[in-house]
Amino acid sequence: MAQPVIHFEISAANREKAVEFYSKLFDWKTSAAPGFDYSLVEAAANNSIGGGIGPVQPGQKPFVTFYVGVDDLQATLDKAEKLGAQTVLPPTPIPRIGACALFADPDGIIIGLFKG
């Protein structure tokens, strides 16, 4: 079975400015994620996914990525690496939510993985 895209993320140099920009541009409804420097973006309709806007980590450039729901983060990272990818973020718990990981595909595009 194909793995679904379940979340998108905008990692911005200035989270607050990005939230304001995208909220005004697309009429997105956002809310602060308690305990995180992160804003959640509500799904706009039944056929859409929600997302988030957060800051980039020190030394990173702003980027946009999407997250694919998987059953096993490490097994998926291992498979991605065998196919030429590089792990960017190993499996990392997100308290009260699940866990995520990031990899760069062979072209350097950052892709997220999520396990709830």
N, C-alpha and C. Protein backbone atom coordinates (compact mmCIF):
# COMPACT_ATOMS: atom_id res chain seq x y z
N MET A 1 0.84 -1.18 0.00
CA MET A 1 0.00 0.00 0.00
C MET A 1 0.89 1.24 0.00
N ALA A 2 0.53 2.23 -0.78
CA ALA A 2 1.28 3.48 -0.85
C ALA A 2 1.15 4.25 0.46
N GLN A 3 2.20 4.94 0.84
CA GLN A 3 2.20 5.72 2.08
C GLN A 3 1.64 7.12 1.79
N PRO A 4 0.75 7.63 2.64
CA PRO A 4 0.09 8.91 2.37
C PRO A 4 0.92 10.12 2.81
N VAL A 5 0.77 11.22 2.08
CA VAL A 5 1.29 12.52 2.51
C VAL A 5 0.31 13.03 3.55
N ILE A 6 0.80 13.35 4.77
CA ILE A 6 -0.12 13.69 5.86
C ILE A 6 0.08 15.08 6.45
N HIS A 7 1.15 15.77 6.06
CA HIS A 7 1.44 17.06 6.69
C HIS A 7 2.42 17.82 5.81
N PHE A 8 2.31 19.13 5.77
CA PHE A 8 3.32 19.94 5.10
C PHE A 8 3.93 20.87 6.13
N GLU A 9 5.11 21.38 5.81
CA GLU A 9 5.78 22.27 6.75
C GLU A 9 6.58 23.32 6.01
N ILE A 10 6.43 24.54 6.47
CA ILE A 10 7.23 25.66 5.97
C ILE A 10 8.20 26.01 7.09
N SER A 11 9.49 25.90 6.82
CA SER A 11 10.51 26.29 7.79
C SER A 11 11.08 27.63 7.33
N ALA A 12 10.80 28.66 8.09
CA ALA A 12 11.07 30.03 7.68
C ALA A 12 12.14 30.69 8.54
N ALA A 13 12.79 31.70 7.99
CA ALA A 13 13.77 32.48 8.74
C ALA A 13 13.08 33.23 9.89
N ASN A 14 11.83 33.66 9.67
CA ASN A 14 11.06 34.37 10.69
C ASN A 14 9.66 33.76 10.72
N ARG A 15 9.41 32.89 11.71
CA ARG A 15 8.13 32.17 11.77
C ARG A 15 6.94 33.13 11.82
N GLU A 16 6.99 34.14 12.68
CA GLU A 16 5.85 35.05 12.83
C GLU A 16 5.53 35.77 11.52
N LYS A 17 6.56 36.21 10.83
CA LYS A 17 6.36 36.90 9.55
C LYS A 17 5.78 35.94 8.51
N ALA A 18 6.25 34.70 8.50
CA ALA A 18 5.73 33.71 7.56
C ALA A 18 4.27 33.38 7.86
N VAL A 19 3.93 33.24 9.14
CA VAL A 19 2.53 32.97 9.52
C VAL A 19 1.65 34.10 9.02
N GLU A 20 2.06 35.33 9.25
CA GLU A 20 1.26 36.48 8.81
C GLU A 20 1.11 36.49 7.29
N PHE A 21 2.20 36.26 6.57
CA PHE A 21 2.17 36.27 5.10
C PHE A 21 1.22 35.21 4.56
N TYR A 22 1.41 33.95 4.95
CA TYR A 22 0.59 32.87 4.40
C TYR A 22 -0.86 32.93 4.87
N SER A 23 -1.09 33.40 6.08
CA SER A 23 -2.46 33.55 6.57
C SER A 23 -3.22 34.58 5.73
N LYS A 24 -2.55 35.68 5.43
CA LYS A 24 -3.18 36.71 4.61
C LYS A 24 -3.32 36.28 3.15
N LEU A 25 -2.28 35.64 2.62
CA LEU A 25 -2.29 35.24 1.22
C LEU A 25 -3.35 34.18 0.92
N PHE A 26 -3.42 33.14 1.75
CA PHE A 26 -4.30 32.00 1.47
C PHE A 26 -5.49 31.89 2.42
N ASP A 27 -5.67 32.86 3.31
CA ASP A 27 -6.74 32.81 4.32
C ASP A 27 -6.61 31.57 5.21
N TRP A 28 -5.38 31.15 5.47
CA TRP A 28 -5.16 30.01 6.35
C TRP A 28 -5.47 30.37 7.78
N LYS A 29 -6.07 29.44 8.49
CA LYS A 29 -6.31 29.58 9.93
C LYS A 29 -5.16 28.89 10.65
N THR A 30 -4.50 29.63 11.52
CA THR A 30 -3.35 29.08 12.23
C THR A 30 -3.56 29.20 13.73
N SER A 31 -2.85 28.37 14.47
CA SER A 31 -2.87 28.44 15.93
C SER A 31 -1.49 28.05 16.45
N ALA A 32 -1.12 28.64 17.57
CA ALA A 32 0.18 28.33 18.17
C ALA A 32 0.15 26.91 18.72
N ALA A 33 1.25 26.20 18.54
CA ALA A 33 1.40 24.86 19.11
C ALA A 33 1.97 25.03 20.51
N PRO A 34 1.20 24.69 21.55
CA PRO A 34 1.66 24.90 22.93
C PRO A 34 3.01 24.24 23.20
N GLY A 35 3.94 25.02 23.74
CA GLY A 35 5.25 24.50 24.10
C GLY A 35 6.26 24.44 22.97
N PHE A 36 5.88 24.89 21.78
CA PHE A 36 6.76 24.84 20.62
C PHE A 36 6.81 26.21 19.95
N ASP A 37 7.91 26.53 19.29
CA ASP A 37 8.00 27.72 18.45
C ASP A 37 7.48 27.32 17.09
N TYR A 38 6.17 27.13 16.99
CA TYR A 38 5.56 26.50 15.83
C TYR A 38 4.10 26.92 15.74
N SER A 39 3.60 27.10 14.54
CA SER A 39 2.19 27.39 14.32
C SER A 39 1.58 26.29 13.46
N LEU A 40 0.43 25.79 13.88
CA LEU A 40 -0.29 24.78 13.12
C LEU A 40 -1.19 25.45 12.10
N VAL A 41 -1.28 24.86 10.92
CA VAL A 41 -2.16 25.35 9.86
C VAL A 41 -3.28 24.33 9.71
N GLU A 42 -4.53 24.80 9.89
CA GLU A 42 -5.68 23.90 9.78
C GLU A 42 -5.87 23.44 8.34
N ALA A 43 -6.34 22.20 8.16
CA ALA A 43 -6.72 21.72 6.84
C ALA A 43 -7.86 22.61 6.34
N ALA A 44 -7.81 23.00 5.08
CA ALA A 44 -8.78 23.95 4.54
C ALA A 44 -10.10 23.30 4.14
N ALA A 45 -10.08 22.03 3.81
CA ALA A 45 -11.28 21.34 3.35
C ALA A 45 -11.08 19.84 3.55
N ASN A 46 -12.12 19.08 3.28
CA ASN A 46 -12.05 17.62 3.46
C ASN A 46 -10.96 16.97 2.63
N ASN A 47 -10.64 17.55 1.48
CA ASN A 47 -9.65 16.93 0.59
C ASN A 47 -8.27 17.55 0.73
N SER A 48 -8.00 18.23 1.85
CA SER A 48 -6.69 18.84 2.05
C SER A 48 -6.05 18.35 3.34
N ILE A 49 -4.78 18.64 3.48
CA ILE A 49 -4.06 18.28 4.70
C ILE A 49 -3.69 19.54 5.46
N GLY A 50 -3.48 19.39 6.74
CA GLY A 50 -2.99 20.50 7.54
C GLY A 50 -1.49 20.56 7.47
N GLY A 51 -0.94 21.57 8.11
CA GLY A 51 0.50 21.72 8.08
C GLY A 51 1.00 22.54 9.24
N GLY A 52 2.16 23.10 9.06
CA GLY A 52 2.75 23.90 10.10
C GLY A 52 3.78 24.86 9.56
N ILE A 53 4.06 25.87 10.37
CA ILE A 53 5.08 26.86 10.03
C ILE A 53 5.97 27.01 11.25
N GLY A 54 7.25 26.81 11.05
CA GLY A 54 8.20 26.90 12.16
C GLY A 54 9.49 27.53 11.71
N PRO A 55 10.40 27.73 12.66
CA PRO A 55 11.68 28.34 12.32
C PRO A 55 12.66 27.30 11.75
N VAL A 56 13.62 27.77 10.96
CA VAL A 56 14.70 26.89 10.54
C VAL A 56 15.67 26.73 11.72
N GLN A 57 16.42 25.67 11.69
CA GLN A 57 17.44 25.44 12.70
C GLN A 57 18.68 26.27 12.35
N PRO A 58 19.51 26.59 13.32
CA PRO A 58 20.72 27.37 13.03
C PRO A 58 21.53 26.74 11.90
N GLY A 59 21.93 27.58 10.95
CA GLY A 59 22.72 27.12 9.82
C GLY A 59 21.91 26.61 8.64
N GLN A 60 20.60 26.43 8.82
CA GLN A 60 19.75 25.96 7.72
C GLN A 60 19.21 27.13 6.93
N LYS A 61 18.92 26.87 5.66
CA LYS A 61 18.20 27.82 4.83
C LYS A 61 16.72 27.50 4.93
N PRO A 62 15.83 28.49 4.75
CA PRO A 62 14.39 28.20 4.75
C PRO A 62 14.06 27.14 3.69
N PHE A 63 13.05 26.32 3.99
CA PHE A 63 12.64 25.28 3.06
C PHE A 63 11.19 24.90 3.31
N VAL A 64 10.63 24.20 2.34
CA VAL A 64 9.28 23.63 2.45
C VAL A 64 9.44 22.13 2.27
N THR A 65 8.73 21.38 3.07
CA THR A 65 8.77 19.93 2.92
C THR A 65 7.38 19.36 3.17
N PHE A 66 7.24 18.11 2.89
CA PHE A 66 6.01 17.40 3.23
C PHE A 66 6.39 16.15 4.01
N TYR A 67 5.44 15.65 4.78
CA TYR A 67 5.67 14.48 5.62
C TYR A 67 4.81 13.32 5.13
N VAL A 68 5.43 12.17 5.07
CA VAL A 68 4.75 10.94 4.66
C VAL A 68 4.56 10.07 5.90
N GLY A 69 3.38 9.55 6.10
CA GLY A 69 3.10 8.67 7.22
C GLY A 69 3.68 7.29 6.96
N VAL A 70 4.50 6.80 7.90
CA VAL A 70 5.12 5.48 7.77
C VAL A 70 4.96 4.70 9.07
N ASP A 71 5.11 3.39 8.99
CA ASP A 71 5.00 2.54 10.17
C ASP A 71 6.28 2.47 10.98
N ASP A 72 7.43 2.63 10.32
CA ASP A 72 8.72 2.47 10.98
C ASP A 72 9.68 3.52 10.44
N LEU A 73 9.97 4.54 11.25
CA LEU A 73 10.83 5.63 10.80
C LEU A 73 12.22 5.14 10.42
N GLN A 74 12.87 4.37 11.30
CA GLN A 74 14.25 3.95 11.04
C GLN A 74 14.33 3.04 9.83
N ALA A 75 13.39 2.12 9.68
CA ALA A 75 13.41 1.23 8.53
C ALA A 75 13.25 2.02 7.23
N THR A 76 12.41 3.06 7.26
CA THR A 76 12.22 3.89 6.07
C THR A 76 13.47 4.70 5.77
N LEU A 77 14.12 5.24 6.82
CA LEU A 77 15.38 5.97 6.61
C LEU A 77 16.45 5.03 6.04
N ASP A 78 16.52 3.82 6.56
CA ASP A 78 17.50 2.85 6.06
C ASP A 78 17.26 2.56 4.58
N LYS A 79 16.00 2.38 4.21
CA LYS A 79 15.65 2.11 2.81
C LYS A 79 16.00 3.31 1.93
N ALA A 80 15.69 4.52 2.43
CA ALA A 80 16.01 5.74 1.68
C ALA A 80 17.52 5.85 1.45
N GLU A 81 18.31 5.54 2.49
CA GLU A 81 19.77 5.62 2.35
C GLU A 81 20.28 4.62 1.33
N LYS A 82 19.71 3.42 1.30
CA LYS A 82 20.11 2.42 0.31
C LYS A 82 19.80 2.90 -1.11
N LEU A 83 18.80 3.78 -1.22
CA LEU A 83 18.42 4.32 -2.53
C LEU A 83 19.15 5.62 -2.85
N GLY A 84 20.09 6.04 -1.99
CA GLY A 84 20.91 7.22 -2.29
C GLY A 84 20.60 8.46 -1.47
N ALA A 85 19.70 8.36 -0.50
CA ALA A 85 19.34 9.51 0.34
C ALA A 85 20.32 9.63 1.52
N GLN A 86 20.20 10.73 2.24
CA GLN A 86 21.02 10.95 3.43
C GLN A 86 20.11 11.40 4.57
N THR A 87 20.25 10.78 5.74
CA THR A 87 19.45 11.18 6.90
C THR A 87 19.86 12.57 7.34
N VAL A 88 18.86 13.43 7.56
CA VAL A 88 19.07 14.79 8.04
C VAL A 88 18.72 14.87 9.52
N LEU A 89 17.63 14.22 9.91
CA LEU A 89 17.18 14.18 11.30
C LEU A 89 16.77 12.74 11.61
N PRO A 90 17.45 12.09 12.55
CA PRO A 90 17.06 10.73 12.91
C PRO A 90 15.70 10.73 13.60
N PRO A 91 15.11 9.57 13.81
CA PRO A 91 13.81 9.51 14.50
C PRO A 91 13.85 10.33 15.79
N THR A 92 12.90 11.27 15.88
CA THR A 92 12.86 12.23 16.99
C THR A 92 11.45 12.28 17.56
N PRO A 93 11.30 12.01 18.85
CA PRO A 93 9.96 12.08 19.46
C PRO A 93 9.40 13.50 19.45
N ILE A 94 8.11 13.59 19.23
CA ILE A 94 7.37 14.84 19.38
C ILE A 94 6.38 14.57 20.51
N PRO A 95 6.63 15.13 21.70
CA PRO A 95 5.80 14.80 22.86
C PRO A 95 4.30 14.95 22.58
N ARG A 96 3.54 13.95 23.00
CA ARG A 96 2.08 13.90 22.91
C ARG A 96 1.56 13.81 21.47
N ILE A 97 2.46 13.67 20.48
CA ILE A 97 2.02 13.65 19.08
C ILE A 97 2.50 12.39 18.35
N GLY A 98 3.77 12.08 18.42
CA GLY A 98 4.34 10.95 17.69
C GLY A 98 5.84 11.12 17.56
N ALA A 99 6.36 10.87 16.37
CA ALA A 99 7.79 11.04 16.11
C ALA A 99 7.98 11.37 14.64
N CYS A 100 9.09 12.04 14.33
CA CYS A 100 9.36 12.40 12.95
C CYS A 100 10.83 12.16 12.63
N ALA A 101 11.15 12.20 11.35
CA ALA A 101 12.51 12.10 10.86
C ALA A 101 12.56 12.86 9.53
N LEU A 102 13.75 13.24 9.11
CA LEU A 102 13.93 13.93 7.83
C LEU A 102 15.08 13.28 7.07
N PHE A 103 14.96 13.25 5.74
CA PHE A 103 16.07 12.83 4.91
C PHE A 103 16.16 13.75 3.70
N ALA A 104 17.35 13.79 3.11
CA ALA A 104 17.56 14.51 1.85
C ALA A 104 17.61 13.47 0.75
N ASP A 105 16.78 13.63 -0.26
CA ASP A 105 16.79 12.67 -1.37
C ASP A 105 18.08 12.86 -2.17
N PRO A 106 18.31 12.05 -3.20
CA PRO A 106 19.56 12.17 -3.95
C PRO A 106 19.81 13.56 -4.56
N ASP A 107 18.76 14.36 -4.75
CA ASP A 107 18.92 15.72 -5.25
C ASP A 107 19.04 16.75 -4.14
N GLY A 108 18.97 16.31 -2.89
CA GLY A 108 19.08 17.23 -1.75
C GLY A 108 17.75 17.77 -1.26
N ILE A 109 16.65 17.30 -1.80
CA ILE A 109 15.32 17.77 -1.37
C ILE A 109 14.99 17.12 -0.03
N ILE A 110 14.58 17.94 0.93
CA ILE A 110 14.26 17.46 2.26
C ILE A 110 12.84 16.89 2.28
N ILE A 111 12.71 15.66 2.76
CA ILE A 111 11.42 14.98 2.86
C ILE A 111 11.25 14.53 4.32
N GLY A 112 10.04 14.70 4.85
CA GLY A 112 9.76 14.31 6.22
C GLY A 112 9.04 12.99 6.30
N LEU A 113 9.26 12.30 7.42
CA LEU A 113 8.55 11.07 7.76
C LEU A 113 7.87 11.28 9.09
N PHE A 114 6.70 10.69 9.27
CA PHE A 114 5.97 10.83 10.53
C PHE A 114 5.36 9.50 10.92
N LYS A 115 5.42 9.22 12.22
CA LYS A 115 4.73 8.06 12.79
C LYS A 115 3.95 8.55 14.00
N GLY A 116 2.63 8.36 13.97
CA GLY A 116 1.77 8.82 15.06
C GLY A 116 1.67 7.82 16.17
